[in-house]
């Protein structure tokens, strides 16, 4: 069974739905749990030139605060909480390899049509991972 799970989260309102699934799977496997959230860089954004606040820095700080709360909720130490900046798929797969997980768990909106053709993070992870990937179908938006 799984020994180390990486929960990839976007830290949105869907996270609470996924937490239930993560807890259940972790309870069945007694696996170590690590968390990851990736902040996408803002393309072509020059802080000094525009003379405005460091928006990316704010996003990272907000993510850090949300990740700490999630870590407390799931009993995950700060050392196993990863906040990365860069392309989401690449960062998740890199951390998965670095920490030696055997399962990546993430949510998926199950989009169809054009949204599916453009790709999703879950789909990109599924096709790039060297380990198992569990995508949890998120509830439809009302």
C-alpha atoms as a PDB file:
ATOM      1  CA  UNK A   1       0.000   0.000   0.000  1.00  0.00           C
ATOM      2  CA  UNK A   2       1.053   3.629  -0.209  1.00  0.00           C
ATOM      3  CA  UNK A   3       3.813   4.854   2.092  1.00  0.00           C
ATOM      4  CA  UNK A   4       4.017   8.563   1.160  1.00  0.00           C
ATOM      5  CA  UNK A   5       1.196  10.681  -0.272  1.00  0.00           C
ATOM      6  CA  UNK A   6       1.634  14.146  -1.768  1.00  0.00           C
ATOM      7  CA  UNK A   7      -1.572  16.187  -1.590  1.00  0.00           C
ATOM      8  CA  UNK A   8      -1.434  18.858  -4.306  1.00  0.00           C
ATOM      9  CA  UNK A   9      -3.829  21.652  -3.421  1.00  0.00           C
ATOM     10  CA  UNK A  10      -4.842  24.964  -4.934  1.00  0.00           C
ATOM     11  CA  UNK A  11      -5.975  26.125  -1.462  1.00  0.00           C
ATOM     12  CA  UNK A  12      -9.449  27.098  -2.710  1.00  0.00           C
ATOM     13  CA  UNK A  13     -12.848  26.296  -1.224  1.00  0.00           C
ATOM     14  CA  UNK A  14     -12.603  22.820  -2.810  1.00  0.00           C
ATOM     15  CA  UNK A  15      -9.787  21.967  -0.401  1.00  0.00           C
ATOM     16  CA  UNK A  16     -12.195  21.086   2.430  1.00  0.00           C
ATOM     17  CA  UNK A  17     -13.908  18.498   0.208  1.00  0.00           C
ATOM     18  CA  UNK A  18     -10.544  16.949  -0.637  1.00  0.00           C
ATOM     19  CA  UNK A  19      -9.352  16.962   2.990  1.00  0.00           C
ATOM     20  CA  UNK A  20     -12.022  14.376   3.836  1.00  0.00           C
ATOM     21  CA  UNK A  21     -10.732  12.098   1.055  1.00  0.00           C
ATOM     22  CA  UNK A  22      -7.077  12.645   2.025  1.00  0.00           C
ATOM     23  CA  UNK A  23      -7.819  11.804   5.680  1.00  0.00           C
ATOM     24  CA  UNK A  24      -9.675   8.635   4.696  1.00  0.00           C
ATOM     25  CA  UNK A  25      -6.924   7.360   2.423  1.00  0.00           C
ATOM     26  CA  UNK A  26      -4.240   8.251   4.922  1.00  0.00           C
ATOM     27  CA  UNK A  27      -6.191   6.409   7.624  1.00  0.00           C
ATOM     28  CA  UNK A  28      -6.353   3.285   5.467  1.00  0.00           C
ATOM     29  CA  UNK A  29      -2.669   3.341   4.539  1.00  0.00           C
ATOM     30  CA  UNK A  30      -0.959   4.994   7.545  1.00  0.00           C
ATOM     31  CA  UNK A  31       1.106   6.798   4.905  1.00  0.00           C
ATOM     32  CA  UNK A  32       3.252   9.842   5.514  1.00  0.00           C
ATOM     33  CA  UNK A  33       1.561  12.943   4.105  1.00  0.00           C
ATOM     34  CA  UNK A  34       3.171  15.915   2.396  1.00  0.00           C
ATOM     35  CA  UNK A  35       1.393  18.984   1.020  1.00  0.00           C
ATOM     36  CA  UNK A  36       2.181  21.156  -1.980  1.00  0.00           C
ATOM     37  CA  UNK A  37       0.777  24.391  -3.358  1.00  0.00           C
ATOM     38  CA  UNK A  38       2.247  26.127  -6.389  1.00  0.00           C
ATOM     39  CA  UNK A  39       2.042  29.866  -6.992  1.00  0.00           C
ATOM     40  CA  UNK A  40       2.167  30.572 -10.714  1.00  0.00           C
ATOM     41  CA  UNK A  41       4.565  33.439 -11.527  1.00  0.00           C
ATOM     42  CA  UNK A  42       2.984  36.571 -12.942  1.00  0.00           C
ATOM     43  CA  UNK A  43       4.239  36.809 -16.535  1.00  0.00           C
ATOM     44  CA  UNK A  44       5.910  40.024 -17.615  1.00  0.00           C
ATOM     45  CA  UNK A  45       5.361  41.609 -14.230  1.00  0.00           C
ATOM     46  CA  UNK A  46       8.081  44.042 -13.154  1.00  0.00           C
ATOM     47  CA  UNK A  47       7.637  45.216  -9.553  1.00  0.00           C
ATOM     48  CA  UNK A  48      10.328  47.877  -9.618  1.00  0.00           C
ATOM     49  CA  UNK A  49       9.289  49.312 -12.964  1.00  0.00           C
ATOM     50  CA  UNK A  50       5.622  49.557 -12.061  1.00  0.00           C
ATOM     51  CA  UNK A  51       6.384  50.885  -8.590  1.00  0.00           C
ATOM     52  CA  UNK A  52       3.617  48.848  -6.957  1.00  0.00           C
ATOM     53  CA  UNK A  53       3.490  46.252  -4.243  1.00  0.00           C
ATOM     54  CA  UNK A  54       4.999  42.831  -4.607  1.00  0.00           C
ATOM     55  CA  UNK A  55       1.802  40.989  -5.564  1.00  0.00           C
ATOM     56  CA  UNK A  56       3.602  37.675  -6.054  1.00  0.00           C
ATOM     57  CA  UNK A  57       5.100  38.009  -2.566  1.00  0.00           C
ATOM     58  CA  UNK A  58       1.624  38.600  -1.163  1.00  0.00           C
ATOM     59  CA  UNK A  59       0.340  35.489  -2.930  1.00  0.00           C
ATOM     60  CA  UNK A  60       3.178  33.443  -1.458  1.00  0.00           C
ATOM     61  CA  UNK A  61       2.531  34.783   2.051  1.00  0.00           C
ATOM     62  CA  UNK A  62      -1.207  34.093   1.786  1.00  0.00           C
ATOM     63  CA  UNK A  63      -0.437  30.595   0.536  1.00  0.00           C
ATOM     64  CA  UNK A  64       1.968  30.041   3.439  1.00  0.00           C
ATOM     65  CA  UNK A  65      -0.716  31.045   5.960  1.00  0.00           C
ATOM     66  CA  UNK A  66      -3.348  28.831   4.321  1.00  0.00           C
ATOM     67  CA  UNK A  67      -0.882  25.952   4.094  1.00  0.00           C
ATOM     68  CA  UNK A  68      -0.067  26.223   7.809  1.00  0.00           C
ATOM     69  CA  UNK A  69      -3.788  25.978   8.647  1.00  0.00           C
ATOM     70  CA  UNK A  70      -4.177  22.996   6.341  1.00  0.00           C
ATOM     71  CA  UNK A  71      -1.078  21.393   7.842  1.00  0.00           C
ATOM     72  CA  UNK A  72      -2.530  21.766  11.336  1.00  0.00           C
ATOM     73  CA  UNK A  73      -5.839  20.300  10.172  1.00  0.00           C
ATOM     74  CA  UNK A  74      -4.115  17.259   8.660  1.00  0.00           C
ATOM     75  CA  UNK A  75      -1.270  16.897  11.165  1.00  0.00           C
ATOM     76  CA  UNK A  76       1.464  17.670   8.630  1.00  0.00           C
ATOM     77  CA  UNK A  77       4.673  19.267   9.883  1.00  0.00           C
ATOM     78  CA  UNK A  78       5.992  22.475   8.302  1.00  0.00           C
ATOM     79  CA  UNK A  79       8.919  20.493   6.917  1.00  0.00           C
ATOM     80  CA  UNK A  80       6.444  18.503   4.817  1.00  0.00           C
ATOM     81  CA  UNK A  81       4.580  21.574   3.526  1.00  0.00           C
ATOM     82  CA  UNK A  82       5.871  22.789   0.180  1.00  0.00           C
ATOM     83  CA  UNK A  83       5.079  26.138  -1.411  1.00  0.00           C
ATOM     84  CA  UNK A  84       6.700  26.508  -4.797  1.00  0.00           C
ATOM     85  CA  UNK A  85       6.736  29.244  -7.433  1.00  0.00           C
ATOM     86  CA  UNK A  86       6.716  28.214 -11.077  1.00  0.00           C
ATOM     87  CA  UNK A  87       4.784  26.078 -13.540  1.00  0.00           C
ATOM     88  CA  UNK A  88       2.358  23.994 -11.469  1.00  0.00           C
ATOM     89  CA  UNK A  89       2.830  20.641 -13.204  1.00  0.00           C
ATOM     90  CA  UNK A  90       6.628  20.880 -13.194  1.00  0.00           C
ATOM     91  CA  UNK A  91       6.854  21.900  -9.535  1.00  0.00           C
ATOM     92  CA  UNK A  92       4.453  19.195  -8.322  1.00  0.00           C
ATOM     93  CA  UNK A  93       6.269  16.465 -10.246  1.00  0.00           C
ATOM     94  CA  UNK A  94       9.681  17.737  -9.111  1.00  0.00           C
ATOM     95  CA  UNK A  95       8.707  17.768  -5.425  1.00  0.00           C
ATOM     96  CA  UNK A  96       7.055  14.346  -5.801  1.00  0.00           C
ATOM     97  CA  UNK A  97      10.372  12.942  -7.066  1.00  0.00           C
ATOM     98  CA  UNK A  98      12.493  14.805  -4.501  1.00  0.00           C
ATOM     99  CA  UNK A  99      10.541  13.608  -1.462  1.00  0.00           C
ATOM    100  CA  UNK A 100       9.904  10.123  -2.837  1.00  0.00           C
ATOM    101  CA  UNK A 101       6.127   9.889  -2.864  1.00  0.00           C
ATOM    102  CA  UNK A 102       4.326   6.884  -4.266  1.00  0.00           C
ATOM    103  CA  UNK A 103       0.968   8.663  -4.701  1.00  0.00           C
ATOM    104  CA  UNK A 104       0.013  12.169  -5.765  1.00  0.00           C
ATOM    105  CA  UNK A 105      -3.515  13.174  -4.815  1.00  0.00           C
ATOM    106  CA  UNK A 106      -5.312  16.161  -6.349  1.00  0.00           C
ATOM    107  CA  UNK A 107      -8.739  17.420  -7.304  1.00  0.00           C
ATOM    108  CA  UNK A 108     -10.218  17.619 -10.776  1.00  0.00           C
ATOM    109  CA  UNK A 109     -13.176  19.585 -12.077  1.00  0.00           C
ATOM    110  CA  UNK A 110     -13.802  17.057 -14.853  1.00  0.00           C
ATOM    111  CA  UNK A 111     -14.096  19.695 -17.567  1.00  0.00           C
ATOM    112  CA  UNK A 112     -15.257  18.841 -21.053  1.00  0.00           C
ATOM    113  CA  UNK A 113     -14.843  20.288 -24.530  1.00  0.00           C
ATOM    114  CA  UNK A 114     -12.462  23.199 -25.011  1.00  0.00           C
ATOM    115  CA  UNK A 115     -11.408  23.267 -21.340  1.00  0.00           C
ATOM    116  CA  UNK A 116     -10.321  19.629 -21.636  1.00  0.00           C
ATOM    117  CA  UNK A 117      -8.393  20.306 -24.864  1.00  0.00           C
ATOM    118  CA  UNK A 118      -6.519  23.160 -23.198  1.00  0.00           C
ATOM    119  CA  UNK A 119      -5.508  20.757 -20.462  1.00  0.00           C
ATOM    120  CA  UNK A 120      -5.747  20.750 -16.722  1.00  0.00           C
ATOM    121  CA  UNK A 121      -3.260  20.459 -13.918  1.00  0.00           C
ATOM    122  CA  UNK A 122      -4.658  17.064 -12.889  1.00  0.00           C
ATOM    123  CA  UNK A 123      -4.331  15.754 -16.446  1.00  0.00           C
ATOM    124  CA  UNK A 124      -0.776  17.073 -16.759  1.00  0.00           C
ATOM    125  CA  UNK A 125       0.209  15.456 -13.457  1.00  0.00           C
ATOM    126  CA  UNK A 126      -1.427  12.171 -14.445  1.00  0.00           C
ATOM    127  CA  UNK A 127       0.577  11.934 -17.650  1.00  0.00           C
ATOM    128  CA  UNK A 128       3.889  13.155 -16.216  1.00  0.00           C
ATOM    129  CA  UNK A 129       4.082  11.372 -12.862  1.00  0.00           C
ATOM    130  CA  UNK A 130       6.408   8.473 -12.139  1.00  0.00           C
ATOM    131  CA  UNK A 131       4.076   7.294  -9.366  1.00  0.00           C
ATOM    132  CA  UNK A 132       0.351   6.661  -9.010  1.00  0.00           C
ATOM    133  CA  UNK A 133      -1.996   9.627  -9.231  1.00  0.00           C
ATOM    134  CA  UNK A 134      -5.422   9.820  -7.627  1.00  0.00           C
ATOM    135  CA  UNK A 135      -7.653  12.556  -8.954  1.00  0.00           C
ATOM    136  CA  UNK A 136     -10.765  13.228  -6.913  1.00  0.00           C
ATOM    137  CA  UNK A 137     -13.737  14.513  -8.873  1.00  0.00           C
ATOM    138  CA  UNK A 138     -14.822  17.791  -7.304  1.00  0.00           C
ATOM    139  CA  UNK A 139     -18.522  18.545  -6.890  1.00  0.00           C
ATOM    140  CA  UNK A 140     -20.123  20.509  -9.713  1.00  0.00           C
ATOM    141  CA  UNK A 141     -20.505  24.226  -9.106  1.00  0.00           C
ATOM    142  CA  UNK A 142     -24.104  25.231  -8.512  1.00  0.00           C
END
